[in-house]
N, C-alpha and C. Protein backbone atom coordinates (compact mmCIF):
# COMPACT_ATOMS: atom_id res chain seq x y z
N UNK A 1 151.32 -10.56 35.22
CA UNK A 1 150.84 -9.75 34.07
C UNK A 1 152.05 -9.27 33.09
N UNK A 2 151.91 -10.46 31.83
CA UNK A 2 152.98 -10.04 30.96
C UNK A 2 152.58 -8.89 30.14
N UNK A 3 154.20 -8.67 29.18
CA UNK A 3 154.20 -7.50 28.54
C UNK A 3 153.20 -7.40 27.80
N UNK A 4 152.96 -8.48 27.19
CA UNK A 4 151.65 -8.64 25.98
C UNK A 4 150.61 -8.19 26.65
N UNK A 5 150.27 -8.87 27.36
CA UNK A 5 148.94 -8.49 28.18
C UNK A 5 148.67 -7.25 28.50
N UNK A 6 149.72 -6.52 28.76
CA UNK A 6 150.34 -5.05 29.31
C UNK A 6 149.72 -4.16 28.27
N UNK A 7 150.62 -4.33 26.82
CA UNK A 7 151.06 -3.47 25.64
C UNK A 7 148.73 -3.80 25.37
N UNK A 8 148.19 -4.67 25.51
CA UNK A 8 147.22 -4.79 24.46
C UNK A 8 146.06 -4.94 25.87
N UNK A 9 146.25 -4.28 27.01
CA UNK A 9 145.33 -3.44 28.28
C UNK A 9 144.41 -4.80 28.09
N UNK A 10 144.76 -6.25 28.24
CA UNK A 10 143.78 -7.56 28.33
C UNK A 10 143.54 -7.20 29.87
N UNK A 11 142.72 -7.79 29.79
CA UNK A 11 142.38 -7.17 31.33
C UNK A 11 142.69 -9.21 31.92
N UNK A 12 142.19 -9.87 31.63
CA UNK A 12 142.33 -11.38 31.77
C UNK A 12 143.66 -12.04 31.28
N UNK A 13 143.92 -12.66 31.79
CA UNK A 13 145.12 -13.68 31.18
C UNK A 13 144.60 -14.80 29.64
N UNK A 14 145.97 -14.77 28.88
CA UNK A 14 145.31 -15.65 27.89
C UNK A 14 144.85 -16.74 27.96
N UNK A 15 144.22 -17.21 26.92
CA UNK A 15 143.50 -18.42 27.84
C UNK A 15 144.51 -19.91 27.38
N UNK A 16 145.75 -19.90 26.87
CA UNK A 16 146.76 -20.58 26.91
C UNK A 16 148.07 -20.01 26.89
N UNK A 17 148.63 -20.48 27.17
CA UNK A 17 150.68 -20.19 26.23
C UNK A 17 150.39 -20.24 25.12
N UNK A 18 149.74 -20.58 24.02
CA UNK A 18 149.76 -20.97 22.40
C UNK A 18 149.36 -19.83 22.04
N UNK A 19 148.01 -19.70 23.02
CA UNK A 19 147.44 -18.21 22.48
C UNK A 19 148.28 -17.07 22.59
N UNK A 20 149.02 -16.71 23.76
CA UNK A 20 149.86 -15.75 23.84
C UNK A 20 150.77 -15.74 22.91
N UNK A 21 151.19 -16.62 22.52
CA UNK A 21 152.51 -16.79 21.46
C UNK A 21 151.92 -16.49 20.12
N UNK A 22 150.73 -17.23 19.38
CA UNK A 22 149.98 -16.81 18.96
C UNK A 22 149.88 -14.88 18.62
N UNK A 23 149.46 -14.72 19.48
CA UNK A 23 148.72 -13.28 19.15
C UNK A 23 150.20 -12.43 19.52
N UNK A 24 151.35 -12.90 20.08
CA UNK A 24 152.47 -12.18 19.91
C UNK A 24 153.05 -12.27 18.62
N UNK A 25 153.02 -13.33 17.93
CA UNK A 25 153.71 -13.00 16.64
C UNK A 25 152.98 -12.51 15.97
N UNK A 26 151.28 -12.45 15.69
CA UNK A 26 150.32 -11.26 14.43
C UNK A 26 150.69 -9.96 15.13
N UNK A 27 151.12 -9.96 16.45
CA UNK A 27 151.21 -8.31 16.52
C UNK A 27 152.28 -7.77 16.51
N UNK A 28 153.29 -8.40 16.72
CA UNK A 28 154.81 -8.62 15.92
C UNK A 28 155.19 -8.10 14.71
N UNK A 29 154.49 -9.32 13.58
CA UNK A 29 154.15 -8.51 12.59
C UNK A 29 153.52 -7.81 11.61
N UNK A 30 152.02 -7.55 12.42
CA UNK A 30 151.18 -6.02 12.24
C UNK A 30 152.47 -5.01 12.40
N UNK A 31 153.48 -4.95 13.42
CA UNK A 31 154.25 -3.87 13.66
C UNK A 31 154.96 -3.89 12.64
N UNK A 32 155.78 -4.88 12.16
CA UNK A 32 156.90 -5.20 11.18
C UNK A 32 156.35 -4.53 10.12
N UNK A 33 155.19 -5.28 9.37
CA UNK A 33 154.34 -4.69 8.11
C UNK A 33 154.16 -3.31 8.50
N UNK A 34 153.74 -2.51 9.84
CA UNK A 34 153.38 -1.10 9.30
C UNK A 34 154.83 -0.40 8.98
N UNK A 35 155.88 -0.92 9.50
CA UNK A 35 157.18 -0.21 9.19
C UNK A 35 157.47 -0.36 7.47
N UNK A 36 157.55 -1.83 7.45
CA UNK A 36 157.82 -2.77 6.02
C UNK A 36 156.64 -1.36 5.13
N UNK A 37 155.81 -1.25 5.14
CA UNK A 37 154.58 -0.40 4.31
C UNK A 37 154.64 0.88 4.32
N UNK A 38 155.39 1.16 5.68
CA UNK A 38 155.87 2.81 5.05
C UNK A 38 157.20 3.37 4.41
N UNK A 39 157.82 2.19 4.25
CA UNK A 39 159.03 2.21 3.07
C UNK A 39 158.57 2.11 1.93
N UNK A 40 158.02 1.34 1.91
CA UNK A 40 157.53 0.96 0.68
C UNK A 40 156.92 1.82 -0.30
N UNK A 41 156.29 2.67 0.47
CA UNK A 41 155.14 3.74 0.62
C UNK A 41 156.34 4.78 -0.18
N UNK A 42 157.29 5.42 0.39
CA UNK A 42 158.29 5.66 -0.34
C UNK A 42 158.54 5.67 -1.56
N UNK A 43 158.38 4.89 -2.08
CA UNK A 43 158.20 4.24 -3.74
C UNK A 43 157.52 3.79 -4.73
N UNK A 44 156.65 4.58 -3.62
CA UNK A 44 155.29 3.73 -4.29
C UNK A 44 154.78 2.60 -5.12
N UNK A 45 155.23 1.46 -3.69
CA UNK A 45 154.85 -0.17 -3.93
C UNK A 45 154.25 -0.50 -2.80
N UNK A 46 153.76 -1.52 -2.65
CA UNK A 46 153.09 -2.43 -1.60
C UNK A 46 154.09 -3.84 -1.18
N UNK A 47 154.06 -3.84 -0.14
CA UNK A 47 154.94 -5.36 0.28
C UNK A 47 154.38 -6.41 -0.85
N UNK A 48 153.82 -7.21 -1.41
CA UNK A 48 153.40 -8.23 -2.61
C UNK A 48 154.18 -7.24 -3.64
N UNK A 49 153.46 -6.14 -3.68
CA UNK A 49 154.12 -5.96 -5.55
C UNK A 49 155.87 -5.82 -5.09
N UNK A 50 156.67 -5.24 -3.87
CA UNK A 50 158.09 -5.31 -3.94
C UNK A 50 158.72 -6.67 -3.80
N UNK A 51 157.68 -7.98 -3.09
CA UNK A 51 157.92 -9.27 -3.30
C UNK A 51 158.37 -9.78 -4.44
N UNK A 52 157.27 -9.44 -5.76
CA UNK A 52 157.36 -10.04 -6.54
C UNK A 52 158.35 -9.57 -7.46
N UNK A 53 158.88 -8.08 -7.01
CA UNK A 53 160.49 -7.40 -7.78
C UNK A 53 161.81 -8.43 -7.42
N UNK A 54 161.49 -8.68 -6.20
CA UNK A 54 162.48 -8.94 -5.48
C UNK A 54 162.73 -10.83 -5.99
N UNK A 55 161.50 -11.34 -5.91
CA UNK A 55 161.24 -12.78 -6.42
C UNK A 55 162.16 -12.91 -8.19
N UNK A 56 161.43 -12.09 -8.56
CA UNK A 56 161.74 -11.84 -10.24
C UNK A 56 163.86 -11.11 -10.28
N UNK A 57 164.63 -10.57 -9.77
CA UNK A 57 165.43 -10.20 -9.04
C UNK A 57 166.64 -11.56 -8.96
N UNK A 58 165.88 -11.93 -8.03
CA UNK A 58 167.02 -13.33 -7.16
C UNK A 58 166.36 -14.50 -8.59
N UNK A 59 165.66 -14.52 -9.52
CA UNK A 59 165.50 -15.65 -10.57
C UNK A 59 166.45 -15.35 -11.55
N UNK A 60 166.15 -13.87 -11.80
CA UNK A 60 167.41 -13.50 -13.43
C UNK A 60 166.87 -13.91 -14.13
N UNK A 61 165.32 -14.55 -14.46
CA UNK A 61 165.23 -14.89 -15.54
C UNK A 61 163.61 -14.97 -15.44
N UNK A 62 162.73 -14.52 -16.48
CA UNK A 62 160.99 -14.79 -16.41
C UNK A 62 160.92 -15.69 -15.96
N UNK A 63 159.85 -15.70 -14.58
CA UNK A 63 158.95 -16.77 -14.14
C UNK A 63 157.18 -17.07 -14.26
N UNK A 64 156.83 -18.21 -14.82
CA UNK A 64 155.42 -18.04 -14.92
C UNK A 64 154.87 -17.33 -13.45
N UNK A 65 153.33 -16.88 -13.89
CA UNK A 65 152.52 -16.16 -12.52
C UNK A 65 152.44 -17.52 -11.58
N UNK A 66 152.25 -18.54 -11.30
CA UNK A 66 152.05 -19.23 -10.78
C UNK A 66 153.38 -19.12 -9.70
N UNK A 67 154.39 -19.24 -10.43
CA UNK A 67 155.55 -20.19 -9.57
C UNK A 67 156.15 -18.45 -8.85
N UNK A 68 155.97 -17.96 -9.38
CA UNK A 68 155.54 -15.84 -8.39
C UNK A 68 154.96 -16.30 -7.15
N UNK A 69 153.52 -16.84 -7.18
CA UNK A 69 152.54 -17.40 -6.64
C UNK A 69 153.59 -17.93 -5.27
N UNK A 70 153.75 -18.95 -5.56
CA UNK A 70 154.59 -20.20 -4.88
C UNK A 70 155.05 -19.61 -3.79
N UNK A 71 156.45 -18.90 -4.64
CA UNK A 71 157.33 -18.06 -3.78
C UNK A 71 156.99 -16.80 -2.89
N UNK A 72 156.12 -16.16 -2.66
CA UNK A 72 155.72 -15.11 -2.02
C UNK A 72 155.33 -15.15 -0.59
N UNK A 73 155.74 -14.12 0.70
CA UNK A 73 156.05 -14.69 1.81
C UNK A 73 154.90 -14.22 2.28
N UNK A 74 153.80 -13.81 1.33
CA UNK A 74 152.42 -14.03 2.42
C UNK A 74 151.98 -14.11 0.84
N UNK A 75 150.92 -14.91 1.02
CA UNK A 75 149.54 -15.19 0.43
C UNK A 75 148.79 -14.28 -0.66
N UNK A 76 149.13 -14.05 -1.56
CA UNK A 76 148.75 -13.06 -2.47
C UNK A 76 147.70 -13.06 -3.20
N UNK A 77 146.33 -13.23 -3.26
CA UNK A 77 144.99 -13.81 -4.01
C UNK A 77 144.90 -13.50 -5.23
N UNK A 78 145.07 -11.67 -5.05
CA UNK A 78 145.03 -10.90 -6.58
C UNK A 78 146.38 -10.52 -7.24
N UNK A 79 147.07 -11.88 -7.38
CA UNK A 79 148.66 -11.70 -7.53
C UNK A 79 148.67 -11.22 -9.33
N UNK A 80 147.30 -11.31 -10.43
CA UNK A 80 146.96 -10.81 -11.71
C UNK A 80 146.82 -9.19 -11.29
N UNK A 81 146.35 -8.82 -10.65
CA UNK A 81 146.04 -7.39 -10.22
C UNK A 81 147.38 -6.34 -9.83
N UNK A 82 148.39 -6.86 -9.00
CA UNK A 82 149.95 -6.69 -8.51
C UNK A 82 150.64 -6.72 -9.51
N UNK A 83 150.57 -7.55 -10.52
CA UNK A 83 151.29 -7.32 -11.79
C UNK A 83 150.87 -6.99 -12.30
N UNK A 84 149.44 -6.22 -12.94
CA UNK A 84 149.05 -5.41 -13.90
C UNK A 84 149.35 -4.02 -13.49
N UNK A 85 149.69 -3.65 -11.93
CA UNK A 85 150.21 -2.58 -11.69
C UNK A 85 151.23 -2.34 -11.86
N UNK A 86 152.73 -3.18 -11.56
CA UNK A 86 153.54 -3.46 -11.68
C UNK A 86 153.92 -3.15 -13.22
N UNK A 87 153.28 -3.93 -13.81
CA UNK A 87 153.21 -3.71 -15.60
C UNK A 87 153.18 -2.29 -16.22
N UNK A 88 151.92 -1.68 -15.62
CA UNK A 88 151.86 -0.21 -16.00
C UNK A 88 152.59 0.90 -15.26
N UNK A 89 153.40 0.54 -14.32
CA UNK A 89 154.71 1.60 -14.00
C UNK A 89 155.88 0.94 -14.93
N UNK A 90 156.09 -0.24 -15.79
CA UNK A 90 156.91 -0.48 -16.92
C UNK A 90 157.94 -1.00 -15.42
N UNK A 91 157.57 -2.01 -14.57
CA UNK A 91 158.46 -2.27 -13.88
C UNK A 91 158.84 -3.58 -14.17
N UNK A 92 157.92 -4.10 -14.32
CA UNK A 92 158.14 -5.90 -15.19
C UNK A 92 157.07 -6.02 -16.87
N UNK A 93 157.29 -7.25 -17.13
CA UNK A 93 156.37 -7.12 -18.55
C UNK A 93 155.99 -9.02 -18.34
N UNK A 94 155.23 -8.84 -19.21
CA UNK A 94 154.55 -10.59 -19.43
C UNK A 94 154.35 -10.79 -20.71
N UNK A 95 155.09 -11.95 -20.88
CA UNK A 95 155.15 -12.66 -22.28
C UNK A 95 154.54 -13.70 -22.27
N UNK A 96 153.73 -14.34 -23.42
CA UNK A 96 153.31 -15.64 -23.43
C UNK A 96 153.77 -16.33 -23.74
N UNK A 97 153.68 -17.95 -23.26
CA UNK A 97 154.76 -19.30 -23.21
C UNK A 97 154.54 -19.41 -24.74
N UNK A 98 155.07 -19.98 -25.49
CA UNK A 98 155.22 -20.29 -26.52
C UNK A 98 154.63 -21.45 -26.95
N UNK A 99 154.59 -22.73 -25.97
CA UNK A 99 154.21 -24.07 -25.70
C UNK A 99 153.09 -23.67 -25.16
N UNK A 100 152.65 -23.20 -24.37
CA UNK A 100 151.37 -23.60 -23.39
C UNK A 100 150.72 -21.69 -23.83
N UNK A 101 149.82 -21.41 -24.59
CA UNK A 101 149.62 -20.00 -24.61
C UNK A 101 148.56 -19.23 -23.34
N UNK A 102 148.50 -20.19 -22.78
CA UNK A 102 147.60 -20.34 -21.23
C UNK A 102 148.81 -20.06 -19.80
N UNK A 103 149.74 -20.20 -20.55
CA UNK A 103 150.93 -19.38 -19.74
C UNK A 103 151.07 -17.88 -19.57
N UNK A 104 151.43 -17.11 -18.87
CA UNK A 104 152.22 -16.12 -18.44
C UNK A 104 153.54 -15.79 -18.51
N UNK A 105 154.75 -15.81 -18.51
CA UNK A 105 155.95 -15.48 -17.83
C UNK A 105 155.93 -13.88 -17.72
N UNK A 106 156.41 -13.50 -16.44
CA UNK A 106 156.71 -12.06 -16.12
C UNK A 106 158.50 -12.42 -15.48
N UNK A 107 158.36 -10.50 -15.99
CA UNK A 107 159.34 -10.63 -16.12
C UNK A 107 160.49 -9.46 -15.97
N UNK A 108 161.24 -9.13 -15.09
CA UNK A 108 161.81 -7.95 -14.55
C UNK A 108 162.06 -6.99 -15.59
N UNK A 109 161.79 -5.62 -15.87
CA UNK A 109 162.72 -4.88 -16.53
C UNK A 109 164.01 -4.23 -16.09
N UNK A 110 164.26 -3.13 -16.66
CA UNK A 110 165.62 -2.69 -15.99
C UNK A 110 165.13 -1.74 -15.27
N UNK A 111 163.95 -0.67 -15.54
CA UNK A 111 163.33 0.21 -14.44
C UNK A 111 163.06 -0.80 -13.70
N UNK A 112 162.51 -1.95 -13.22
CA UNK A 112 161.91 -2.65 -11.72
C UNK A 112 163.77 -2.48 -11.92
N UNK A 113 164.79 -3.27 -12.44
CA UNK A 113 165.74 -4.11 -11.41
C UNK A 113 166.18 -2.55 -10.80
N UNK A 114 166.45 -1.69 -11.31
CA UNK A 114 167.08 -0.30 -11.01
C UNK A 114 166.35 0.77 -9.70
N UNK A 115 164.88 -0.13 -9.74
CA UNK A 115 164.04 0.54 -8.42
C UNK A 115 164.30 -0.29 -7.13
N UNK A 116 164.30 -2.00 -7.43
CA UNK A 116 164.66 -2.88 -6.28
C UNK A 116 166.48 -2.50 -5.85
N UNK A 117 167.18 -2.40 -6.65
CA UNK A 117 168.82 -1.87 -6.21
C UNK A 117 168.52 -0.61 -5.52
N UNK A 118 167.66 0.24 -5.64
CA UNK A 118 167.90 1.56 -4.82
C UNK A 118 166.76 1.39 -3.52
N UNK A 119 166.53 0.28 -3.56
CA UNK A 119 165.67 0.49 -2.30
C UNK A 119 166.31 -0.71 -1.35
N UNK A 120 167.55 -1.54 -2.07
CA UNK A 120 168.58 -2.22 -1.22
C UNK A 120 169.08 -1.97 0.24
N UNK A 121 169.90 -0.63 0.12
CA UNK A 121 170.18 -0.16 1.07
C UNK A 121 168.54 0.30 2.53
N UNK A 122 168.01 0.83 2.21
CA UNK A 122 166.49 1.03 2.63
C UNK A 122 166.21 -0.13 3.82
N UNK A 123 165.79 -1.09 2.69
CA UNK A 123 165.78 -2.21 3.13
C UNK A 123 166.28 -3.39 4.33
N UNK A 124 167.58 -3.13 4.19
CA UNK A 124 168.65 -3.78 4.92
C UNK A 124 168.46 -2.63 5.92
N UNK A 125 168.70 -1.62 6.66
CA UNK A 125 168.59 -0.49 7.58
C UNK A 125 167.59 -1.28 8.11
N UNK A 126 166.60 -1.18 7.77
CA UNK A 126 164.86 -1.26 8.19
C UNK A 126 165.24 -2.87 8.76
N UNK A 127 165.64 -3.55 8.14
CA UNK A 127 165.64 -4.90 8.88
C UNK A 127 167.11 -4.99 10.25
N UNK A 128 167.18 -4.05 10.62
CA UNK A 128 168.50 -3.68 11.13
C UNK A 128 167.73 -3.32 12.02
N UNK A 129 166.73 -2.05 12.04
CA UNK A 129 166.54 -1.30 13.01
C UNK A 129 165.39 -2.21 13.95
N UNK A 130 164.51 -3.15 12.81
CA UNK A 130 163.73 -3.94 13.60
C UNK A 130 164.10 -5.24 14.59
N UNK A 131 165.01 -5.67 14.24
CA UNK A 131 165.48 -6.97 15.00
C UNK A 131 167.52 -6.80 15.02
N UNK A 132 167.90 -5.48 14.77
CA UNK A 132 169.59 -5.48 15.10
C UNK A 132 169.76 -5.77 16.81
N UNK A 133 168.84 -5.07 17.67
CA UNK A 133 169.19 -5.50 19.05
C UNK A 133 169.00 -6.91 19.33
N UNK A 134 168.99 -7.50 18.45
CA UNK A 134 168.65 -9.05 18.69
C UNK A 134 170.60 -9.56 18.35
N UNK A 135 170.75 -10.40 19.39
CA UNK A 135 172.10 -11.19 18.75
C UNK A 135 172.76 -11.90 17.79
N UNK A 136 173.23 -12.51 16.97
CA UNK A 136 173.47 -13.55 16.05
C UNK A 136 172.74 -14.91 16.75
N UNK A 137 172.52 -15.35 17.47
CA UNK A 137 172.44 -16.27 18.68
C UNK A 137 170.62 -16.38 18.94
N UNK A 138 170.56 -14.86 19.38
CA UNK A 138 169.17 -15.33 19.53
C UNK A 138 168.41 -14.86 18.15
N UNK A 139 168.88 -14.73 17.11
CA UNK A 139 168.26 -15.05 15.88
C UNK A 139 167.85 -15.97 14.76
N UNK A 140 169.06 -17.03 15.37
CA UNK A 140 169.03 -18.06 15.46
C UNK A 140 168.27 -18.64 15.65
N UNK A 141 167.92 -18.77 17.46
CA UNK A 141 167.20 -19.59 17.92
C UNK A 141 165.67 -19.42 17.63
N UNK A 142 165.53 -17.73 17.46
CA UNK A 142 164.10 -17.59 16.61
C UNK A 142 163.99 -18.15 15.34
N UNK A 143 164.86 -18.30 14.46
CA UNK A 143 164.32 -19.16 12.86
C UNK A 143 164.10 -19.96 13.15
N UNK A 144 165.02 -21.08 14.48
CA UNK A 144 164.69 -22.40 14.61
C UNK A 144 163.08 -22.16 14.82
N UNK A 145 162.85 -21.47 15.72
CA UNK A 145 161.19 -21.63 16.77
C UNK A 145 160.34 -21.09 15.99
N UNK A 146 160.36 -20.38 14.98
CA UNK A 146 159.81 -19.99 13.80
C UNK A 146 159.42 -21.30 12.97
N UNK A 147 160.39 -21.52 12.20
CA UNK A 147 160.35 -22.75 11.17
C UNK A 147 159.83 -23.79 11.99
N UNK A 148 160.09 -24.21 13.14
CA UNK A 148 159.20 -25.06 13.71
C UNK A 148 158.04 -25.22 14.06
N UNK A 149 157.17 -23.94 14.08
CA UNK A 149 156.10 -23.43 14.24
C UNK A 149 155.65 -23.71 12.94
N UNK A 150 155.98 -23.31 11.97
CA UNK A 150 155.31 -23.47 10.79
C UNK A 150 155.28 -25.46 10.31
N UNK A 151 155.93 -25.88 10.66
CA UNK A 151 156.25 -27.67 10.66
C UNK A 151 154.54 -27.73 10.86
N UNK A 152 154.01 -27.21 11.90
CA UNK A 152 153.03 -27.92 12.69
C UNK A 152 151.40 -27.24 11.79
N UNK A 153 151.41 -26.70 10.83
CA UNK A 153 150.35 -25.73 10.53
C UNK A 153 150.06 -26.96 9.21
N UNK A 154 148.59 -26.63 8.36
CA UNK A 154 148.38 -27.66 7.57
C UNK A 154 148.61 -26.48 6.04
N UNK A 155 149.27 -27.41 5.33
CA UNK A 155 149.39 -26.77 4.05
C UNK A 155 148.58 -27.10 2.56
N UNK A 156 148.56 -26.36 1.89
CA UNK A 156 147.97 -27.13 0.96
C UNK A 156 148.24 -26.35 -0.63
N UNK A 157 149.08 -26.45 -1.30
CA UNK A 157 149.52 -25.96 -2.97
C UNK A 157 150.41 -24.52 -2.00
N UNK A 158 151.05 -24.57 -0.98
CA UNK A 158 151.75 -23.49 -0.60
C UNK A 158 150.95 -23.26 0.15
N UNK A 159 149.83 -22.97 0.61
CA UNK A 159 149.03 -21.72 1.40
C UNK A 159 148.55 -22.28 3.10
N UNK A 160 148.52 -21.46 4.00
CA UNK A 160 147.71 -22.17 4.99
C UNK A 160 146.29 -22.19 5.35
N UNK A 161 145.95 -23.09 5.66
CA UNK A 161 144.73 -23.26 5.63
C UNK A 161 144.20 -23.00 6.54
N UNK A 162 144.54 -22.47 7.44
CA UNK A 162 143.97 -21.99 8.63
C UNK A 162 144.01 -20.64 9.37
N UNK A 163 142.94 -19.87 9.69
CA UNK A 163 143.22 -18.07 10.70
C UNK A 163 143.41 -18.13 12.05
N UNK A 164 143.37 -17.25 12.58
CA UNK A 164 143.10 -16.82 13.91
C UNK A 164 141.87 -17.40 14.19
């Protein structure tokens, strides 16, 4: 009986090694998401909100909402709502495109930039706590395997079409 099977108190074996791999990835993701949610909560943010702030800081310029959506780590169906909440806290601001009034640009404010900078060190420490016990070689191998796994997914407009 494998460790995952024991952790889940699963009575029988998995139906396939592929099923076990996917469930292991999902379980790991769930545990990582929980740890990051606790960190983000300290700053009154959610993971997707933090992701938006990081994307904007990384770009260094305003971005259209659809471009932000395409760069998100996880699919965020309520992007407008996320941006609304960040705007209420004065972490981002919206500006209408002068060439196409249907397009809104989102820009990081100085308050938003300061918050992301304040979170940099705790964020790095979290990464270290989660995978710091892996060697650089193991991290490189894991990255290659995860990239290879993502290559097999059906993608449309940057979103995964299938679920578990």
